Amino acid sequence: MKAAVIATLILLLPATLLARPTMGIYFTYVPGTMYYDPAPFEEFNGYVFGHNIQCYLDAAEFQVACPPRILMIDFTWPEGALVLGQPSDGISLAYWPPMDGWNPGYNLLCTLHLLTIQGCDGVVNAYIQIVPHHVTGLDQGSCWPDNNLFEFTGLTSVLCPSEFAVQAKTWGSIKSMF
């Protein structure tokens, strides 16, 4: 059993070392929750975070694809940023001073102010996504001071997630599985 765990860790090591930076929409100010169940006509925030950047981030470019019945009513960005465009139509942001991509391991790129028209009545698994900018065709960032470009992997968040049942098990039945 220990050999299997060690082998799995060794096989996953290259994937973690070569992991690309990601960008996603979270519904808590500290990245963690990528799903939300809004009420009808509720205003709520989506926070666009970049992860695993590994440099001083001085620019980002992306687009946000919202599901039907979800309106982006406004957005805000960190102080000192230069903004070109809208998140729903493709946005380019330049940050000064550059953001530290190592500590704490993620950066707030912008905050989306969203409004749901219908809530989750009759809607299941509505996806809000980070997609490539429509002009360049890329989700990309730039590292200061050399302006080296890199690509983000855009993540998908879920509004109105479907629920599924969880069966209760006793400890004895769980142990009997191994």
C-alpha atoms as a PDB file:
ATOM      1  CA  MET A   1       0.000   0.000   0.000  1.00  0.00           C
ATOM      2  CA  LYS A   2       2.824   2.406   0.881  1.00  0.00           C
ATOM      3  CA  ALA A   3       4.581   1.600  -2.388  1.00  0.00           C
ATOM      4  CA  ALA A   4       1.437   2.515  -4.338  1.00  0.00           C
ATOM      5  CA  VAL A   5       1.155   5.859  -2.538  1.00  0.00           C
ATOM      6  CA  ILE A   6       4.829   6.640  -3.143  1.00  0.00           C
ATOM      7  CA  ALA A   7       4.541   5.664  -6.820  1.00  0.00           C
ATOM      8  CA  THR A   8       1.491   7.919  -7.213  1.00  0.00           C
ATOM      9  CA  LEU A   9       3.330  10.854  -5.643  1.00  0.00           C
ATOM     10  CA  ILE A  10       6.319  10.314  -7.928  1.00  0.00           C
ATOM     11  CA  LEU A  11       4.041  10.221 -10.980  1.00  0.00           C
ATOM     12  CA  LEU A  12       2.221  13.398  -9.931  1.00  0.00           C
ATOM     13  CA  LEU A  13       5.423  15.326  -9.203  1.00  0.00           C
ATOM     14  CA  PRO A  14       6.088  16.360 -12.852  1.00  0.00           C
ATOM     15  CA  ALA A  15       2.486  17.548 -13.197  1.00  0.00           C
ATOM     16  CA  THR A  16       2.819  19.818 -10.172  1.00  0.00           C
ATOM     17  CA  LEU A  17       6.218  21.119 -11.247  1.00  0.00           C
ATOM     18  CA  LEU A  18       5.003  21.908 -14.749  1.00  0.00           C
ATOM     19  CA  ALA A  19       1.622  23.291 -13.679  1.00  0.00           C
ATOM     20  CA  ARG A  20       0.594  26.353 -15.643  1.00  0.00           C
ATOM     21  CA  PRO A  21      -0.791  29.443 -13.973  1.00  0.00           C
ATOM     22  CA  THR A  22      -4.570  29.362 -13.627  1.00  0.00           C
ATOM     23  CA  MET A  23      -7.223  32.066 -13.531  1.00  0.00           C
ATOM     24  CA  GLY A  24     -10.682  31.517 -12.079  1.00  0.00           C
ATOM     25  CA  ILE A  25     -13.743  33.203 -10.605  1.00  0.00           C
ATOM     26  CA  TYR A  26     -14.311  32.617  -6.902  1.00  0.00           C
ATOM     27  CA  PHE A  27     -17.262  33.621  -4.771  1.00  0.00           C
ATOM     28  CA  THR A  28     -15.286  34.229  -1.572  1.00  0.00           C
ATOM     29  CA  TYR A  29     -12.668  36.960  -1.164  1.00  0.00           C
ATOM     30  CA  VAL A  30     -10.024  34.362  -0.344  1.00  0.00           C
ATOM     31  CA  PRO A  31      -9.904  31.780  -3.156  1.00  0.00           C
ATOM     32  CA  GLY A  32     -11.721  28.618  -2.244  1.00  0.00           C
ATOM     33  CA  THR A  33     -15.346  28.476  -3.363  1.00  0.00           C
ATOM     34  CA  MET A  34     -16.004  28.198  -7.087  1.00  0.00           C
ATOM     35  CA  TYR A  35     -19.742  27.583  -6.818  1.00  0.00           C
ATOM     36  CA  TYR A  36     -22.625  29.756  -5.656  1.00  0.00           C
ATOM     37  CA  ASP A  37     -26.390  29.415  -5.345  1.00  0.00           C
ATOM     38  CA  PRO A  38     -27.853  32.930  -5.853  1.00  0.00           C
ATOM     39  CA  ALA A  39     -31.396  33.975  -4.949  1.00  0.00           C
ATOM     40  CA  PRO A  40     -33.613  35.769  -7.498  1.00  0.00           C
ATOM     41  CA  PHE A  41     -32.528  39.396  -8.070  1.00  0.00           C
ATOM     42  CA  GLU A  42     -29.511  38.972  -5.801  1.00  0.00           C
ATOM     43  CA  GLU A  43     -26.407  41.108  -6.269  1.00  0.00           C
ATOM     44  CA  PHE A  44     -23.189  39.221  -5.531  1.00  0.00           C
ATOM     45  CA  ASN A  45     -19.475  39.412  -6.243  1.00  0.00           C
ATOM     46  CA  GLY A  46     -17.194  37.160  -8.240  1.00  0.00           C
ATOM     47  CA  TYR A  47     -13.474  37.561  -7.602  1.00  0.00           C
ATOM     48  CA  VAL A  48     -11.082  36.849 -10.492  1.00  0.00           C
ATOM     49  CA  PHE A  49      -7.894  35.376  -9.043  1.00  0.00           C
ATOM     50  CA  GLY A  50      -4.683  34.252 -10.713  1.00  0.00           C
ATOM     51  CA  HIS A  51      -2.850  31.278  -9.145  1.00  0.00           C
ATOM     52  CA  ASN A  52       0.644  29.843  -9.499  1.00  0.00           C
ATOM     53  CA  ILE A  53       1.956  32.899 -11.335  1.00  0.00           C
ATOM     54  CA  GLN A  54       5.596  32.603 -10.122  1.00  0.00           C
ATOM     55  CA  CYS A  55       6.667  36.118 -11.112  1.00  0.00           C
ATOM     56  CA  TYR A  56       5.812  39.759 -10.526  1.00  0.00           C
ATOM     57  CA  LEU A  57       2.599  40.133 -12.529  1.00  0.00           C
ATOM     58  CA  ASP A  58       2.335  43.477 -14.323  1.00  0.00           C
ATOM     59  CA  ALA A  59      -0.465  42.750 -16.840  1.00  0.00           C
ATOM     60  CA  ALA A  60      -3.298  40.312 -17.559  1.00  0.00           C
ATOM     61  CA  GLU A  61      -5.691  39.787 -20.444  1.00  0.00           C
ATOM     62  CA  PHE A  62      -8.843  37.644 -20.466  1.00  0.00           C
ATOM     63  CA  GLN A  63     -12.587  37.558 -21.028  1.00  0.00           C
ATOM     64  CA  VAL A  64     -15.473  36.392 -18.814  1.00  0.00           C
ATOM     65  CA  ALA A  65     -18.330  34.339 -20.287  1.00  0.00           C
ATOM     66  CA  CYS A  66     -21.485  34.716 -18.165  1.00  0.00           C
ATOM     67  CA  PRO A  67     -24.452  32.358 -18.412  1.00  0.00           C
ATOM     68  CA  PRO A  68     -27.883  33.649 -19.466  1.00  0.00           C
ATOM     69  CA  ARG A  69     -29.868  35.331 -16.680  1.00  0.00           C
ATOM     70  CA  ILE A  70     -26.663  36.546 -14.991  1.00  0.00           C
ATOM     71  CA  LEU A  71     -25.794  40.191 -15.635  1.00  0.00           C
ATOM     72  CA  MET A  72     -22.416  41.781 -15.008  1.00  0.00           C
ATOM     73  CA  ILE A  73     -23.442  45.189 -13.713  1.00  0.00           C
ATOM     74  CA  ASP A  74     -19.995  46.551 -12.852  1.00  0.00           C
ATOM     75  CA  PHE A  75     -16.429  45.577 -12.042  1.00  0.00           C
ATOM     76  CA  THR A  76     -13.595  46.986  -9.950  1.00  0.00           C
ATOM     77  CA  TRP A  77      -9.848  46.474 -10.081  1.00  0.00           C
ATOM     78  CA  PRO A  78      -6.895  46.896  -7.731  1.00  0.00           C
ATOM     79  CA  GLU A  79      -5.624  50.403  -7.086  1.00  0.00           C
ATOM     80  CA  GLY A  80      -3.015  51.529  -9.584  1.00  0.00           C
ATOM     81  CA  ALA A  81      -4.296  49.403 -12.479  1.00  0.00           C
ATOM     82  CA  LEU A  82      -4.794  50.673 -16.016  1.00  0.00           C
ATOM     83  CA  VAL A  83      -7.908  49.109 -17.557  1.00  0.00           C
ATOM     84  CA  LEU A  84      -8.817  48.682 -21.217  1.00  0.00           C
ATOM     85  CA  GLY A  85     -12.177  47.095 -22.035  1.00  0.00           C
ATOM     86  CA  GLN A  86     -14.815  45.201 -20.067  1.00  0.00           C
ATOM     87  CA  PRO A  87     -14.548  41.658 -18.643  1.00  0.00           C
ATOM     88  CA  SER A  88     -17.537  40.481 -20.713  1.00  0.00           C
ATOM     89  CA  ASP A  89     -16.064  41.854 -23.983  1.00  0.00           C
ATOM     90  CA  GLY A  90     -12.375  41.209 -23.295  1.00  0.00           C
ATOM     91  CA  ILE A  91     -10.293  43.121 -20.780  1.00  0.00           C
ATOM     92  CA  SER A  92      -6.638  44.073 -20.568  1.00  0.00           C
ATOM     93  CA  LEU A  93      -5.255  45.215 -17.214  1.00  0.00           C
ATOM     94  CA  ALA A  94      -1.823  46.645 -16.421  1.00  0.00           C
ATOM     95  CA  TYR A  95      -0.777  46.731 -12.747  1.00  0.00           C
ATOM     96  CA  TRP A  96       1.623  49.112 -11.060  1.00  0.00           C
ATOM     97  CA  PRO A  97       3.274  48.274  -8.808  1.00  0.00           C
ATOM     98  CA  PRO A  98       3.511  44.703 -10.101  1.00  0.00           C
ATOM     99  CA  MET A  99       1.804  42.028  -7.989  1.00  0.00           C
ATOM    100  CA  ASP A 100       3.866  39.452  -6.114  1.00  0.00           C
ATOM    101  CA  GLY A 101       2.973  36.085  -7.653  1.00  0.00           C
ATOM    102  CA  TRP A 102       4.672  34.036  -4.924  1.00  0.00           C
ATOM    103  CA  ASN A 103       3.146  35.373  -1.716  1.00  0.00           C
ATOM    104  CA  PRO A 104       0.461  34.350  -0.821  1.00  0.00           C
ATOM    105  CA  GLY A 105       0.291  32.289  -4.047  1.00  0.00           C
ATOM    106  CA  TYR A 106      -2.652  34.073  -5.677  1.00  0.00           C
ATOM    107  CA  ASN A 107      -3.502  37.578  -6.887  1.00  0.00           C
ATOM    108  CA  LEU A 108      -6.840  39.403  -7.122  1.00  0.00           C
ATOM    109  CA  LEU A 109      -7.022  40.583 -10.739  1.00  0.00           C
ATOM    110  CA  CYS A 110     -10.486  42.193 -10.600  1.00  0.00           C
ATOM    111  CA  THR A 111     -13.857  41.947  -8.856  1.00  0.00           C
ATOM    112  CA  LEU A 112     -17.055  41.313 -10.822  1.00  0.00           C
ATOM    113  CA  HIS A 113     -20.356  42.708  -9.524  1.00  0.00           C
ATOM    114  CA  LEU A 114     -23.055  40.327 -10.748  1.00  0.00           C
ATOM    115  CA  LEU A 115     -26.868  40.284 -10.637  1.00  0.00           C
ATOM    116  CA  THR A 116     -29.079  37.270 -11.148  1.00  0.00           C
ATOM    117  CA  ILE A 117     -32.442  37.827 -12.800  1.00  0.00           C
ATOM    118  CA  GLN A 118     -34.121  34.522 -12.059  1.00  0.00           C
ATOM    119  CA  GLY A 119     -31.979  32.894  -9.400  1.00  0.00           C
ATOM    120  CA  CYS A 120     -31.740  29.123  -9.577  1.00  0.00           C
ATOM    121  CA  ASP A 121     -35.417  28.437 -10.347  1.00  0.00           C
ATOM    122  CA  GLY A 122     -35.251  25.841 -13.125  1.00  0.00           C
ATOM    123  CA  VAL A 123     -31.516  26.391 -13.699  1.00  0.00           C
ATOM    124  CA  VAL A 124     -28.899  23.764 -12.856  1.00  0.00           C
ATOM    125  CA  ASN A 125     -25.147  24.076 -13.329  1.00  0.00           C
ATOM    126  CA  ALA A 126     -24.861  27.459 -15.033  1.00  0.00           C
ATOM    127  CA  TYR A 127     -21.188  27.953 -15.907  1.00  0.00           C
ATOM    128  CA  ILE A 128     -19.288  31.223 -15.621  1.00  0.00           C
ATOM    129  CA  GLN A 129     -15.896  30.907 -17.302  1.00  0.00           C
ATOM    130  CA  ILE A 130     -12.605  32.606 -17.942  1.00  0.00           C
ATOM    131  CA  VAL A 131     -12.176  32.386 -21.724  1.00  0.00           C
ATOM    132  CA  PRO A 132      -9.561  33.753 -24.148  1.00  0.00           C
ATOM    133  CA  HIS A 133      -9.699  37.431 -25.038  1.00  0.00           C
ATOM    134  CA  HIS A 134     -11.636  37.741 -28.300  1.00  0.00           C
ATOM    135  CA  VAL A 135      -8.978  39.876 -30.020  1.00  0.00           C
ATOM    136  CA  THR A 136      -5.781  37.992 -29.141  1.00  0.00           C
ATOM    137  CA  GLY A 137      -7.343  34.568 -28.578  1.00  0.00           C
ATOM    138  CA  LEU A 138      -5.342  34.173 -25.350  1.00  0.00           C
ATOM    139  CA  ASP A 139      -5.664  34.279 -21.575  1.00  0.00           C
ATOM    140  CA  GLN A 140      -2.286  35.724 -20.827  1.00  0.00           C
ATOM    141  CA  GLY A 141      -0.191  37.591 -18.330  1.00  0.00           C
ATOM    142  CA  SER A 142       3.082  39.474 -18.323  1.00  0.00           C
ATOM    143  CA  CYS A 143       6.003  39.247 -15.888  1.00  0.00           C
ATOM    144  CA  TRP A 144       7.874  42.329 -14.739  1.00  0.00           C
ATOM    145  CA  PRO A 145      10.577  43.570 -15.531  1.00  0.00           C
ATOM    146  CA  ASP A 146      11.152  41.823 -18.868  1.00  0.00           C
ATOM    147  CA  ASN A 147       7.475  41.615 -19.906  1.00  0.00           C
ATOM    148  CA  ASN A 148       7.766  37.889 -20.566  1.00  0.00           C
ATOM    149  CA  LEU A 149       4.334  36.625 -21.633  1.00  0.00           C
ATOM    150  CA  PHE A 150       2.768  33.434 -20.295  1.00  0.00           C
ATOM    151  CA  GLU A 151      -0.633  31.807 -20.739  1.00  0.00           C
ATOM    152  CA  PHE A 152      -3.190  31.211 -18.019  1.00  0.00           C
ATOM    153  CA  THR A 153      -5.417  28.163 -17.922  1.00  0.00           C
ATOM    154  CA  GLY A 154      -8.957  29.529 -17.594  1.00  0.00           C
ATOM    155  CA  LEU A 155     -11.145  27.813 -14.987  1.00  0.00           C
ATOM    156  CA  THR A 156     -14.919  27.310 -14.885  1.00  0.00           C
ATOM    157  CA  SER A 157     -17.098  28.184 -11.892  1.00  0.00           C
ATOM    158  CA  VAL A 158     -20.638  26.935 -11.298  1.00  0.00           C
ATOM    159  CA  LEU A 159     -23.743  28.911 -10.398  1.00  0.00           C
ATOM    160  CA  CYS A 160     -26.778  26.927  -9.207  1.00  0.00           C
ATOM    161  CA  PRO A 161     -24.845  23.672  -8.656  1.00  0.00           C
ATOM    162  CA  SER A 162     -26.862  20.475  -8.797  1.00  0.00           C
ATOM    163  CA  GLU A 163     -27.202  18.658  -5.507  1.00  0.00           C
ATOM    164  CA  PHE A 164     -26.591  14.987  -5.052  1.00  0.00           C
ATOM    165  CA  ALA A 165     -27.326  12.695  -2.152  1.00  0.00           C
ATOM    166  CA  VAL A 166     -24.652  11.322   0.135  1.00  0.00           C
ATOM    167  CA  GLN A 167     -25.188   7.951   1.756  1.00  0.00           C
ATOM    168  CA  ALA A 168     -24.361   7.501   5.410  1.00  0.00           C
ATOM    169  CA  LYS A 169     -21.966   4.616   6.094  1.00  0.00           C
ATOM    170  CA  THR A 170     -20.756   3.061   9.282  1.00  0.00           C
ATOM    171  CA  TRP A 171     -17.059   2.822  10.054  1.00  0.00           C
ATOM    172  CA  GLY A 172     -17.240  -0.953   9.820  1.00  0.00           C
ATOM    173  CA  SER A 173     -18.644  -0.855   6.278  1.00  0.00           C
ATOM    174  CA  ILE A 174     -15.942   1.602   5.214  1.00  0.00           C
ATOM    175  CA  LYS A 175     -13.179  -0.630   6.668  1.00  0.00           C
ATOM    176  CA  SER A 176     -14.614  -3.652   4.879  1.00  0.00           C
ATOM    177  CA  MET A 177     -13.969  -1.936   1.540  1.00  0.00           C
ATOM    178  CA  PHE A 178     -10.174  -2.348   1.987  1.00  0.00           C
END
